[in-house]
Amino acid sequence: MGRLLKIEMLPEAERIAIDRSIREHRYMLLDEIVADLTAQGITVGRSSLHRYVVKLREKDATLATPEEGTIVTIVERSSGEVRLVKTAASAEAIATLIMTFRPNRPIS
């Protein structure tokens, strides 16, 4: 496991403000995020912020919204490719579909 980023060591209130600003700027426009945080009295370096944005984006990708109540992780064994699928279908419905799948007959 990697070491903590400087932003992760800040007080919780500041991290919440940083997360909110990053999400409001849709994980882009680092200079605008830095300006927004500076206006709030939070000082962070641009490179530190960039590393944190990458980590936050990866973390947020695994979260589901209320209408996407189920997250399915698909791992292609031959290539190692990993995909996340967010769906409103229940976990039970997804499991049933997978269990009824026959390799020679695609799910319709």
PDB file of N, CA and C in Angstrom:
ATOM      1  N   MET A   1       0.842  -1.174   0.000  1.00  0.00           N
ATOM      2  CA  MET A   1       0.000   0.000   0.000  1.00  0.00           C
ATOM      3  C   MET A   1       0.884   1.233   0.000  1.00  0.00           C
ATOM      4  N   GLY A   2       0.540   2.220  -0.796  1.00  0.00           N
ATOM      5  CA  GLY A   2       1.315   3.448  -0.904  1.00  0.00           C
ATOM      6  C   GLY A   2       1.168   4.335   0.319  1.00  0.00           C
ATOM      7  N   ARG A   3       2.034   5.314   0.401  1.00  0.00           N
ATOM      8  CA  ARG A   3       1.966   6.223   1.541  1.00  0.00           C
ATOM      9  C   ARG A   3       0.817   7.214   1.359  1.00  0.00           C
ATOM     10  N   LEU A   4       0.413   7.827   2.452  1.00  0.00           N
ATOM     11  CA  LEU A   4      -0.675   8.792   2.414  1.00  0.00           C
ATOM     12  C   LEU A   4      -0.260  10.049   1.660  1.00  0.00           C
ATOM     13  N   LEU A   5      -1.189  10.596   0.932  1.00  0.00           N
ATOM     14  CA  LEU A   5      -0.952  11.877   0.272  1.00  0.00           C
ATOM     15  C   LEU A   5      -1.116  12.982   1.304  1.00  0.00           C
ATOM     16  N   LYS A   6      -0.457  14.127   1.062  1.00  0.00           N
ATOM     17  CA  LYS A   6      -0.547  15.248   2.000  1.00  0.00           C
ATOM     18  C   LYS A   6      -2.000  15.661   2.224  1.00  0.00           C
ATOM     19  N   ILE A   7      -2.795  15.625   1.171  1.00  0.00           N
ATOM     20  CA  ILE A   7      -4.202  16.025   1.296  1.00  0.00           C
ATOM     21  C   ILE A   7      -4.947  15.084   2.235  1.00  0.00           C
ATOM     22  N   GLU A   8      -4.588  13.811   2.224  1.00  0.00           N
ATOM     23  CA  GLU A   8      -5.255  12.842   3.095  1.00  0.00           C
ATOM     24  C   GLU A   8      -4.941  13.074   4.566  1.00  0.00           C
ATOM     25  N   MET A   9      -3.909  13.849   4.848  1.00  0.00           N
ATOM     26  CA  MET A   9      -3.527  14.125   6.233  1.00  0.00           C
ATOM     27  C   MET A   9      -4.144  15.425   6.759  1.00  0.00           C
ATOM     28  N   LEU A  10      -4.867  16.145   5.905  1.00  0.00           N
ATOM     29  CA  LEU A  10      -5.513  17.391   6.320  1.00  0.00           C
ATOM     30  C   LEU A  10      -6.715  17.092   7.204  1.00  0.00           C
ATOM     31  N   PRO A  11      -7.187  18.085   7.961  1.00  0.00           N
ATOM     32  CA  PRO A  11      -8.396  17.882   8.765  1.00  0.00           C
ATOM     33  C   PRO A  11      -9.580  17.485   7.877  1.00  0.00           C
ATOM     34  N   GLU A  12     -10.493  16.720   8.438  1.00  0.00           N
ATOM     35  CA  GLU A  12     -11.626  16.191   7.681  1.00  0.00           C
ATOM     36  C   GLU A  12     -12.436  17.280   6.980  1.00  0.00           C
ATOM     37  N   ALA A  13     -12.673  18.399   7.650  1.00  0.00           N
ATOM     38  CA  ALA A  13     -13.460  19.482   7.048  1.00  0.00           C
ATOM     39  C   ALA A  13     -12.798  19.998   5.768  1.00  0.00           C
ATOM     40  N   GLU A  14     -11.476  20.086   5.775  1.00  0.00           N
ATOM     41  CA  GLU A  14     -10.765  20.548   4.587  1.00  0.00           C
ATOM     42  C   GLU A  14     -10.814  19.504   3.477  1.00  0.00           C
ATOM     43  N   ARG A  15     -10.687  18.222   3.840  1.00  0.00           N
ATOM     44  CA  ARG A  15     -10.771  17.164   2.827  1.00  0.00           C
ATOM     45  C   ARG A  15     -12.156  17.128   2.188  1.00  0.00           C
ATOM     46  N   ILE A  16     -13.188  17.351   2.976  1.00  0.00           N
ATOM     47  CA  ILE A  16     -14.554  17.383   2.439  1.00  0.00           C
ATOM     48  C   ILE A  16     -14.694  18.530   1.445  1.00  0.00           C
ATOM     49  N   ALA A  17     -14.146  19.697   1.788  1.00  0.00           N
ATOM     50  CA  ALA A  17     -14.200  20.852   0.885  1.00  0.00           C
ATOM     51  C   ALA A  17     -13.413  20.573  -0.394  1.00  0.00           C
ATOM     52  N   ILE A  18     -12.278  19.910  -0.273  1.00  0.00           N
ATOM     53  CA  ILE A  18     -11.460  19.568  -1.438  1.00  0.00           C
ATOM     54  C   ILE A  18     -12.215  18.590  -2.333  1.00  0.00           C
ATOM     55  N   ASP A  19     -12.782  17.546  -1.735  1.00  0.00           N
ATOM     56  CA  ASP A  19     -13.555  16.563  -2.510  1.00  0.00           C
ATOM     57  C   ASP A  19     -14.711  17.239  -3.246  1.00  0.00           C
ATOM     58  N   ARG A  20     -15.412  18.114  -2.557  1.00  0.00           N
ATOM     59  CA  ARG A  20     -16.553  18.811  -3.161  1.00  0.00           C
ATOM     60  C   ARG A  20     -16.102  19.660  -4.349  1.00  0.00           C
ATOM     61  N   SER A  21     -15.013  20.381  -4.183  1.00  0.00           N
ATOM     62  CA  SER A  21     -14.513  21.230  -5.267  1.00  0.00           C
ATOM     63  C   SER A  21     -14.070  20.395  -6.464  1.00  0.00           C
ATOM     64  N   ILE A  22     -13.392  19.294  -6.200  1.00  0.00           N
ATOM     65  CA  ILE A  22     -12.946  18.415  -7.286  1.00  0.00           C
ATOM     66  C   ILE A  22     -14.146  17.880  -8.060  1.00  0.00           C
ATOM     67  N   ARG A  23     -15.160  17.436  -7.343  1.00  0.00           N
ATOM     68  CA  ARG A  23     -16.348  16.881  -8.005  1.00  0.00           C
ATOM     69  C   ARG A  23     -17.119  17.966  -8.758  1.00  0.00           C
ATOM     70  N   GLU A  24     -17.193  19.157  -8.192  1.00  0.00           N
ATOM     71  CA  GLU A  24     -17.880  20.261  -8.878  1.00  0.00           C
ATOM     72  C   GLU A  24     -17.189  20.604 -10.195  1.00  0.00           C
ATOM     73  N   HIS A  25     -15.866  20.457 -10.229  1.00  0.00           N
ATOM     74  CA  HIS A  25     -15.100  20.734 -11.443  1.00  0.00           C
ATOM     75  C   HIS A  25     -14.915  19.472 -12.285  1.00  0.00           C
ATOM     76  N   ARG A  26     -15.629  18.413 -11.943  1.00  0.00           N
ATOM     77  CA  ARG A  26     -15.652  17.144 -12.680  1.00  0.00           C
ATOM     78  C   ARG A  26     -14.258  16.564 -12.886  1.00  0.00           C
ATOM     79  N   TYR A  27     -13.430  16.641 -11.829  1.00  0.00           N
ATOM     80  CA  TYR A  27     -12.090  16.057 -11.791  1.00  0.00           C
ATOM     81  C   TYR A  27     -11.122  16.711 -12.789  1.00  0.00           C
ATOM     82  N   MET A  28     -11.466  17.876 -13.307  1.00  0.00           N
ATOM     83  CA  MET A  28     -10.619  18.574 -14.278  1.00  0.00           C
ATOM     84  C   MET A  28     -10.344  19.997 -13.790  1.00  0.00           C
ATOM     85  N   LEU A  29      -9.630  20.744 -14.569  1.00  0.00           N
ATOM     86  CA  LEU A  29      -9.356  22.162 -14.317  1.00  0.00           C
ATOM     87  C   LEU A  29      -8.673  22.380 -12.964  1.00  0.00           C
ATOM     88  N   LEU A  30      -7.502  21.785 -12.823  1.00  0.00           N
ATOM     89  CA  LEU A  30      -6.770  21.863 -11.559  1.00  0.00           C
ATOM     90  C   LEU A  30      -6.536  23.297 -11.101  1.00  0.00           C
ATOM     91  N   ASP A  31      -6.212  24.194 -12.025  1.00  0.00           N
ATOM     92  CA  ASP A  31      -5.953  25.581 -11.638  1.00  0.00           C
ATOM     93  C   ASP A  31      -7.195  26.218 -11.025  1.00  0.00           C
ATOM     94  N   GLU A  32      -8.361  25.901 -11.578  1.00  0.00           N
ATOM     95  CA  GLU A  32      -9.606  26.440 -11.016  1.00  0.00           C
ATOM     96  C   GLU A  32      -9.912  25.826  -9.656  1.00  0.00           C
ATOM     97  N   ILE A  33      -9.604  24.555  -9.489  1.00  0.00           N
ATOM     98  CA  ILE A  33      -9.805  23.912  -8.180  1.00  0.00           C
ATOM     99  C   ILE A  33      -8.891  24.558  -7.147  1.00  0.00           C
ATOM    100  N   VAL A  34      -7.621  24.763  -7.514  1.00  0.00           N
ATOM    101  CA  VAL A  34      -6.669  25.405  -6.596  1.00  0.00           C
ATOM    102  C   VAL A  34      -7.165  26.798  -6.222  1.00  0.00           C
ATOM    103  N   ALA A  35      -7.655  27.572  -7.215  1.00  0.00           N
ATOM    104  CA  ALA A  35      -8.165  28.920  -6.942  1.00  0.00           C
ATOM    105  C   ALA A  35      -9.376  28.865  -6.023  1.00  0.00           C
ATOM    106  N   ASP A  36     -10.267  27.920  -6.262  1.00  0.00           N
ATOM    107  CA  ASP A  36     -11.460  27.754  -5.433  1.00  0.00           C
ATOM    108  C   ASP A  36     -11.065  27.436  -3.989  1.00  0.00           C
ATOM    109  N   LEU A  37     -10.114  26.519  -3.829  1.00  0.00           N
ATOM    110  CA  LEU A  37      -9.673  26.132  -2.484  1.00  0.00           C
ATOM    111  C   LEU A  37      -8.942  27.271  -1.790  1.00  0.00           C
ATOM    112  N   THR A  38      -8.124  28.005  -2.532  1.00  0.00           N
ATOM    113  CA  THR A  38      -7.412  29.153  -1.961  1.00  0.00           C
ATOM    114  C   THR A  38      -8.408  30.184  -1.440  1.00  0.00           C
ATOM    115  N   ALA A  39      -9.496  30.400  -2.188  1.00  0.00           N
ATOM    116  CA  ALA A  39     -10.542  31.339  -1.751  1.00  0.00           C
ATOM    117  C   ALA A  39     -11.199  30.870  -0.448  1.00  0.00           C
ATOM    118  N   GLN A  40     -11.152  29.565  -0.207  1.00  0.00           N
ATOM    119  CA  GLN A  40     -11.724  29.010   1.023  1.00  0.00           C
ATOM    120  C   GLN A  40     -10.688  28.919   2.142  1.00  0.00           C
ATOM    121  N   GLY A  41      -9.469  29.379   1.849  1.00  0.00           N
ATOM    122  CA  GLY A  41      -8.406  29.360   2.850  1.00  0.00           C
ATOM    123  C   GLY A  41      -7.675  28.033   2.942  1.00  0.00           C
ATOM    124  N   ILE A  42      -7.797  27.200   1.923  1.00  0.00           N
ATOM    125  CA  ILE A  42      -7.129  25.897   1.901  1.00  0.00           C
ATOM    126  C   ILE A  42      -6.003  25.961   0.873  1.00  0.00           C
ATOM    127  N   THR A  43      -4.787  25.694   1.316  1.00  0.00           N
ATOM    128  CA  THR A  43      -3.629  25.749   0.427  1.00  0.00           C
ATOM    129  C   THR A  43      -3.166  24.334   0.109  1.00  0.00           C
ATOM    130  N   VAL A  44      -3.183  24.005  -1.186  1.00  0.00           N
ATOM    131  CA  VAL A  44      -2.684  22.705  -1.626  1.00  0.00           C
ATOM    132  C   VAL A  44      -1.840  22.917  -2.873  1.00  0.00           C
ATOM    133  N   GLY A  45      -0.820  22.095  -3.021  1.00  0.00           N
ATOM    134  CA  GLY A  45       0.013  22.169  -4.209  1.00  0.00           C
ATOM    135  C   GLY A  45      -0.690  21.522  -5.399  1.00  0.00           C
ATOM    136  N   ARG A  46      -0.373  22.028  -6.576  1.00  0.00           N
ATOM    137  CA  ARG A  46      -1.018  21.536  -7.790  1.00  0.00           C
ATOM    138  C   ARG A  46      -0.691  20.061  -8.038  1.00  0.00           C
ATOM    139  N   SER A  47       0.562  19.657  -7.864  1.00  0.00           N
ATOM    140  CA  SER A  47       0.932  18.258  -8.116  1.00  0.00           C
ATOM    141  C   SER A  47       0.320  17.327  -7.076  1.00  0.00           C
ATOM    142  N   SER A  48       0.265  17.773  -5.831  1.00  0.00           N
ATOM    143  CA  SER A  48      -0.377  16.982  -4.782  1.00  0.00           C
ATOM    144  C   SER A  48      -1.872  16.834  -5.080  1.00  0.00           C
ATOM    145  N   LEU A  49      -2.467  17.921  -5.537  1.00  0.00           N
ATOM    146  CA  LEU A  49      -3.887  17.895  -5.887  1.00  0.00           C
ATOM    147  C   LEU A  49      -4.121  16.930  -7.044  1.00  0.00           C
ATOM    148  N   HIS A  50      -3.245  16.949  -8.040  1.00  0.00           N
ATOM    149  CA  HIS A  50      -3.396  16.052  -9.184  1.00  0.00           C
ATOM    150  C   HIS A  50      -3.378  14.590  -8.741  1.00  0.00           C
ATOM    151  N   ARG A  51      -2.418  14.225  -7.886  1.00  0.00           N
ATOM    152  CA  ARG A  51      -2.350  12.845  -7.401  1.00  0.00           C
ATOM    153  C   ARG A  51      -3.616  12.478  -6.635  1.00  0.00           C
ATOM    154  N   TYR A  52      -4.141  13.416  -5.862  1.00  0.00           N
ATOM    155  CA  TYR A  52      -5.355  13.161  -5.087  1.00  0.00           C
ATOM    156  C   TYR A  52      -6.573  13.042  -6.004  1.00  0.00           C
ATOM    157  N   VAL A  53      -6.642  13.864  -7.051  1.00  0.00           N
ATOM    158  CA  VAL A  53      -7.762  13.801  -8.002  1.00  0.00           C
ATOM    159  C   VAL A  53      -7.819  12.419  -8.648  1.00  0.00           C
ATOM    160  N   VAL A  54      -6.683  11.886  -9.046  1.00  0.00           N
ATOM    161  CA  VAL A  54      -6.636  10.558  -9.665  1.00  0.00           C
ATOM    162  C   VAL A  54      -7.180   9.517  -8.700  1.00  0.00           C
ATOM    163  N   LYS A  55      -6.753   9.587  -7.460  1.00  0.00           N
ATOM    164  CA  LYS A  55      -7.185   8.623  -6.440  1.00  0.00           C
ATOM    165  C   LYS A  55      -8.683   8.764  -6.154  1.00  0.00           C
ATOM    166  N   LEU A  56      -9.168   9.998  -6.049  1.00  0.00           N
ATOM    167  CA  LEU A  56     -10.586  10.239  -5.768  1.00  0.00           C
ATOM    168  C   LEU A  56     -11.453   9.767  -6.929  1.00  0.00           C
ATOM    169  N   ARG A  57     -11.014  10.011  -8.146  1.00  0.00           N
ATOM    170  CA  ARG A  57     -11.783   9.568  -9.324  1.00  0.00           C
ATOM    171  C   ARG A  57     -11.919   8.047  -9.315  1.00  0.00           C
ATOM    172  N   GLU A  58     -10.836   7.335  -9.012  1.00  0.00           N
ATOM    173  CA  GLU A  58     -10.886   5.872  -8.955  1.00  0.00           C
ATOM    174  C   GLU A  58     -11.837   5.405  -7.855  1.00  0.00           C
ATOM    175  N   LYS A  59     -11.777   6.065  -6.714  1.00  0.00           N
ATOM    176  CA  LYS A  59     -12.662   5.708  -5.603  1.00  0.00           C
ATOM    177  C   LYS A  59     -14.121   5.974  -5.980  1.00  0.00           C
ATOM    178  N   ASP A  60     -14.391   7.130  -6.556  1.00  0.00           N
ATOM    179  CA  ASP A  60     -15.763   7.494  -6.923  1.00  0.00           C
ATOM    180  C   ASP A  60     -16.333   6.584  -8.003  1.00  0.00           C
ATOM    181  N   ALA A  61     -15.469   6.028  -8.842  1.00  0.00           N
ATOM    182  CA  ALA A  61     -15.941   5.138  -9.914  1.00  0.00           C
ATOM    183  C   ALA A  61     -16.566   3.872  -9.353  1.00  0.00           C
ATOM    184  N   THR A  62     -16.199   3.509  -8.131  1.00  0.00           N
ATOM    185  CA  THR A  62     -16.747   2.291  -7.537  1.00  0.00           C
ATOM    186  C   THR A  62     -18.036   2.538  -6.764  1.00  0.00           C
ATOM    187  N   LEU A  63     -18.429   3.796  -6.636  1.00  0.00           N
ATOM    188  CA  LEU A  63     -19.644   4.114  -5.892  1.00  0.00           C
ATOM    189  C   LEU A  63     -20.847   4.127  -6.828  1.00  0.00           C
ATOM    190  N   ALA A  64     -21.970   3.686  -6.329  1.00  0.00           N
ATOM    191  CA  ALA A  64     -23.203   3.691  -7.124  1.00  0.00           C
ATOM    192  C   ALA A  64     -24.141   4.757  -6.594  1.00  0.00           C
ATOM    193  N   THR A  65     -24.869   5.389  -7.513  1.00  0.00           N
ATOM    194  CA  THR A  65     -25.911   6.328  -7.115  1.00  0.00           C
ATOM    195  C   THR A  65     -27.126   5.515  -6.696  1.00  0.00           C
ATOM    196  N   PRO A  66     -28.114   6.130  -6.028  1.00  0.00           N
ATOM    197  CA  PRO A  66     -29.285   5.360  -5.590  1.00  0.00           C
ATOM    198  C   PRO A  66     -29.982   4.604  -6.719  1.00  0.00           C
ATOM    199  N   GLU A  67     -30.034   5.201  -7.923  1.00  0.00           N
ATOM    200  CA  GLU A  67     -30.685   4.491  -9.028  1.00  0.00           C
ATOM    201  C   GLU A  67     -29.790   3.395  -9.604  1.00  0.00           C
ATOM    202  N   GLU A  68     -28.511   3.394  -9.257  1.00  0.00           N
ATOM    203  CA  GLU A  68     -27.587   2.346  -9.665  1.00  0.00           C
ATOM    204  C   GLU A  68     -27.236   1.532  -8.426  1.00  0.00           C
ATOM    205  N   GLY A  69     -28.200   0.789  -7.953  1.00  0.00           N
ATOM    206  CA  GLY A  69     -28.044   0.104  -6.676  1.00  0.00           C
ATOM    207  C   GLY A  69     -27.085  -1.064  -6.660  1.00  0.00           C
ATOM    208  N   THR A  70     -26.659  -1.537  -7.826  1.00  0.00           N
ATOM    209  CA  THR A  70     -25.780  -2.699  -7.888  1.00  0.00           C
ATOM    210  C   THR A  70     -24.574  -2.373  -8.763  1.00  0.00           C
ATOM    211  N   ILE A  71     -23.404  -2.774  -8.294  1.00  0.00           N
ATOM    212  CA  ILE A  71     -22.178  -2.638  -9.083  1.00  0.00           C
ATOM    213  C   ILE A  71     -21.655  -4.043  -9.352  1.00  0.00           C
ATOM    214  N   VAL A  72     -21.431  -4.348 -10.614  1.00  0.00           N
ATOM    215  CA  VAL A  72     -20.910  -5.650 -11.007  1.00  0.00           C
ATOM    216  C   VAL A  72     -19.480  -5.453 -11.504  1.00  0.00           C
ATOM    217  N   THR A  73     -18.563  -6.235 -10.991  1.00  0.00           N
ATOM    218  CA  THR A  73     -17.178  -6.198 -11.444  1.00  0.00           C
ATOM    219  C   THR A  73     -16.950  -7.378 -12.380  1.00  0.00           C
ATOM    220  N   ILE A  74     -16.496  -7.081 -13.582  1.00  0.00           N
ATOM    221  CA  ILE A  74     -16.253  -8.116 -14.581  1.00  0.00           C
ATOM    222  C   ILE A  74     -14.751  -8.184 -14.826  1.00  0.00           C
ATOM    223  N   VAL A  75     -14.194  -9.375 -14.693  1.00  0.00           N
ATOM    224  CA  VAL A  75     -12.770  -9.575 -14.946  1.00  0.00           C
ATOM    225  C   VAL A  75     -12.635 -10.573 -16.088  1.00  0.00           C
ATOM    226  N   GLU A  76     -12.038 -10.125 -17.180  1.00  0.00           N
ATOM    227  CA  GLU A  76     -11.773 -10.995 -18.329  1.00  0.00           C
ATOM    228  C   GLU A  76     -10.513 -11.777 -18.010  1.00  0.00           C
ATOM    229  N   ARG A  77     -10.663 -13.062 -17.790  1.00  0.00           N
ATOM    230  CA  ARG A  77      -9.529 -13.873 -17.341  1.00  0.00           C
ATOM    231  C   ARG A  77      -8.382 -13.886 -18.340  1.00  0.00           C
ATOM    232  N   SER A  78      -8.688 -13.943 -19.621  1.00  0.00           N
ATOM    233  CA  SER A  78      -7.619 -14.067 -20.618  1.00  0.00           C
ATOM    234  C   SER A  78      -6.769 -12.804 -20.724  1.00  0.00           C
ATOM    235  N   SER A  79      -7.392 -11.630 -20.568  1.00  0.00           N
ATOM    236  CA  SER A  79      -6.640 -10.380 -20.741  1.00  0.00           C
ATOM    237  C   SER A  79      -6.369  -9.652 -19.427  1.00  0.00           C
ATOM    238  N   GLY A  80      -7.119  -9.996 -18.400  1.00  0.00           N
ATOM    239  CA  GLY A  80      -6.985  -9.297 -17.124  1.00  0.00           C
ATOM    240  C   GLY A  80      -7.742  -7.982 -17.084  1.00  0.00           C
ATOM    241  N   GLU A  81      -8.493  -7.675 -18.156  1.00  0.00           N
ATOM    242  CA  GLU A  81      -9.264  -6.435 -18.215  1.00  0.00           C
ATOM    243  C   GLU A  81     -10.354  -6.465 -17.142  1.00  0.00           C
ATOM    244  N   VAL A  82     -10.505  -5.340 -16.451  1.00  0.00           N
ATOM    245  CA  VAL A  82     -11.521  -5.216 -15.413  1.00  0.00           C
ATOM    246  C   VAL A  82     -12.494  -4.113 -15.804  1.00  0.00           C
ATOM    247  N   ARG A  83     -13.789  -4.404 -15.709  1.00  0.00           N
ATOM    248  CA  ARG A  83     -14.823  -3.411 -16.005  1.00  0.00           C
ATOM    249  C   ARG A  83     -15.811  -3.378 -14.857  1.00  0.00           C
ATOM    250  N   LEU A  84     -16.306  -2.188 -14.562  1.00  0.00           N
ATOM    251  CA  LEU A  84     -17.365  -2.023 -13.579  1.00  0.00           C
ATOM    252  C   LEU A  84     -18.640  -1.666 -14.318  1.00  0.00           C
ATOM    253  N   VAL A  85     -19.728  -2.333 -13.970  1.00  0.00           N
ATOM    254  CA  VAL A  85     -21.022  -2.045 -14.557  1.00  0.00           C
ATOM    255  C   VAL A  85     -21.954  -1.658 -13.417  1.00  0.00           C
ATOM    256  N   LYS A  86     -22.550  -0.475 -13.519  1.00  0.00           N
ATOM    257  CA  LYS A  86     -23.504  -0.012 -12.518  1.00  0.00           C
ATOM    258  C   LYS A  86     -24.897  -0.200 -13.091  1.00  0.00           C
ATOM    259  N   THR A  87     -25.804  -0.752 -12.295  1.00  0.00           N
ATOM    260  CA  THR A  87     -27.137  -1.046 -12.791  1.00  0.00           C
ATOM    261  C   THR A  87     -28.185  -0.898 -11.704  1.00  0.00           C
ATOM    262  N   ALA A  88     -29.421  -0.681 -12.136  1.00  0.00           N
ATOM    263  CA  ALA A  88     -30.536  -0.616 -11.194  1.00  0.00           C
ATOM    264  C   ALA A  88     -31.066  -2.015 -10.878  1.00  0.00           C
ATOM    265  N   ALA A  89     -30.635  -3.014 -11.645  1.00  0.00           N
ATOM    266  CA  ALA A  89     -31.069  -4.387 -11.400  1.00  0.00           C
ATOM    267  C   ALA A  89     -30.535  -4.862 -10.048  1.00  0.00           C
ATOM    268  N   SER A  90     -31.286  -5.719  -9.406  1.00  0.00           N
ATOM    269  CA  SER A  90     -30.852  -6.232  -8.107  1.00  0.00           C
ATOM    270  C   SER A  90     -29.709  -7.220  -8.292  1.00  0.00           C
ATOM    271  N   ALA A  91     -28.962  -7.428  -7.233  1.00  0.00           N
ATOM    272  CA  ALA A  91     -27.862  -8.391  -7.279  1.00  0.00           C
ATOM    273  C   ALA A  91     -28.408  -9.783  -7.580  1.00  0.00           C
ATOM    274  N   GLU A  92     -29.554 -10.096  -7.027  1.00  0.00           N
ATOM    275  CA  GLU A  92     -30.169 -11.408  -7.265  1.00  0.00           C
ATOM    276  C   GLU A  92     -30.512 -11.587  -8.750  1.00  0.00           C
ATOM    277  N   ALA A  93     -31.066 -10.544  -9.380  1.00  0.00           N
ATOM    278  CA  ALA A  93     -31.413 -10.629 -10.806  1.00  0.00           C
ATOM    279  C   ALA A  93     -30.169 -10.824 -11.655  1.00  0.00           C
ATOM    280  N   ILE A  94     -29.099 -10.121 -11.334  1.00  0.00           N
ATOM    281  CA  ILE A  94     -27.847 -10.259 -12.076  1.00  0.00           C
ATOM    282  C   ILE A  94     -27.293 -11.671 -11.907  1.00  0.00           C
ATOM    283  N   ALA A  95     -27.298 -12.174 -10.684  1.00  0.00           N
ATOM    284  CA  ALA A  95     -26.800 -13.524 -10.424  1.00  0.00           C
ATOM    285  C   ALA A  95     -27.620 -14.565 -11.178  1.00  0.00           C
ATOM    286  N   THR A  96     -28.928 -14.375 -11.216  1.00  0.00           N
ATOM    287  CA  THR A  96     -29.795 -15.305 -11.941  1.00  0.00           C
ATOM    288  C   THR A  96     -29.462 -15.311 -13.426  1.00  0.00           C
ATOM    289  N   LEU A  97     -29.279 -14.119 -13.997  1.00  0.00           N
ATOM    290  CA  LEU A  97     -28.901 -14.033 -15.412  1.00  0.00           C
ATOM    291  C   LEU A  97     -27.578 -14.742 -15.687  1.00  0.00           C
ATOM    292  N   ILE A  98     -26.630 -14.548 -14.823  1.00  0.00           N
ATOM    293  CA  ILE A  98     -25.320 -15.171 -15.012  1.00  0.00           C
ATOM    294  C   ILE A  98     -25.430 -16.688 -14.904  1.00  0.00           C
ATOM    295  N   MET A  99     -26.188 -17.161 -13.929  1.00  0.00           N
ATOM    296  CA  MET A  99     -26.320 -18.605 -13.721  1.00  0.00           C
ATOM    297  C   MET A  99     -27.075 -19.291 -14.852  1.00  0.00           C
ATOM    298  N   THR A 100     -27.955 -18.575 -15.544  1.00  0.00           N
ATOM    299  CA  THR A 100     -28.726 -19.181 -16.638  1.00  0.00           C
ATOM    300  C   THR A 100     -28.009 -19.076 -17.970  1.00  0.00           C
ATOM    301  N   PHE A 101     -26.895 -18.369 -18.000  1.00  0.00           N
ATOM    302  CA  PHE A 101     -26.140 -18.217 -19.241  1.00  0.00           C
ATOM    303  C   PHE A 101     -25.480 -19.527 -19.628  1.00  0.00           C
ATOM    304  N   ARG A 102     -25.592 -19.849 -20.885  1.00  0.00           N
ATOM    305  CA  ARG A 102     -24.918 -21.024 -21.422  1.00  0.00           C
ATOM    306  C   ARG A 102     -23.885 -20.514 -22.423  1.00  0.00           C
ATOM    307  N   PRO A 103     -22.636 -20.940 -22.320  1.00  0.00           N
ATOM    308  CA  PRO A 103     -21.570 -20.415 -23.188  1.00  0.00           C
ATOM    309  C   PRO A 103     -21.890 -20.441 -24.684  1.00  0.00           C
ATOM    310  N   ASN A 104     -22.616 -21.428 -25.140  1.00  0.00           N
ATOM    311  CA  ASN A 104     -22.909 -21.524 -26.566  1.00  0.00           C
ATOM    312  C   ASN A 104     -24.186 -20.793 -26.963  1.00  0.00           C
ATOM    313  N   ARG A 105     -24.866 -20.219 -25.972  1.00  0.00           N
ATOM    314  CA  ARG A 105     -26.115 -19.523 -26.256  1.00  0.00           C
ATOM    315  C   ARG A 105     -26.120 -18.201 -25.492  1.00  0.00           C
ATOM    316  N   PRO A 106     -26.033 -17.074 -26.196  1.00  0.00           N
ATOM    317  CA  PRO A 106     -26.009 -15.771 -25.504  1.00  0.00           C
ATOM    318  C   PRO A 106     -27.332 -15.469 -24.824  1.00  0.00           C
ATOM    319  N   ILE A 107     -27.253 -14.631 -23.797  1.00  0.00           N
ATOM    320  CA  ILE A 107     -28.464 -14.175 -23.097  1.00  0.00           C
ATOM    321  C   ILE A 107     -29.225 -13.249 -24.021  1.00  0.00           C
ATOM    322  N   SER A 108     -30.541 -13.464 -24.142  1.00  0.00           N
ATOM    323  CA  SER A 108     -31.328 -12.556 -24.988  1.00  0.00           C
ATOM    324  C   SER A 108     -32.039 -11.517 -24.177  1.00  0.00           C
TER     325      SER A 108
END
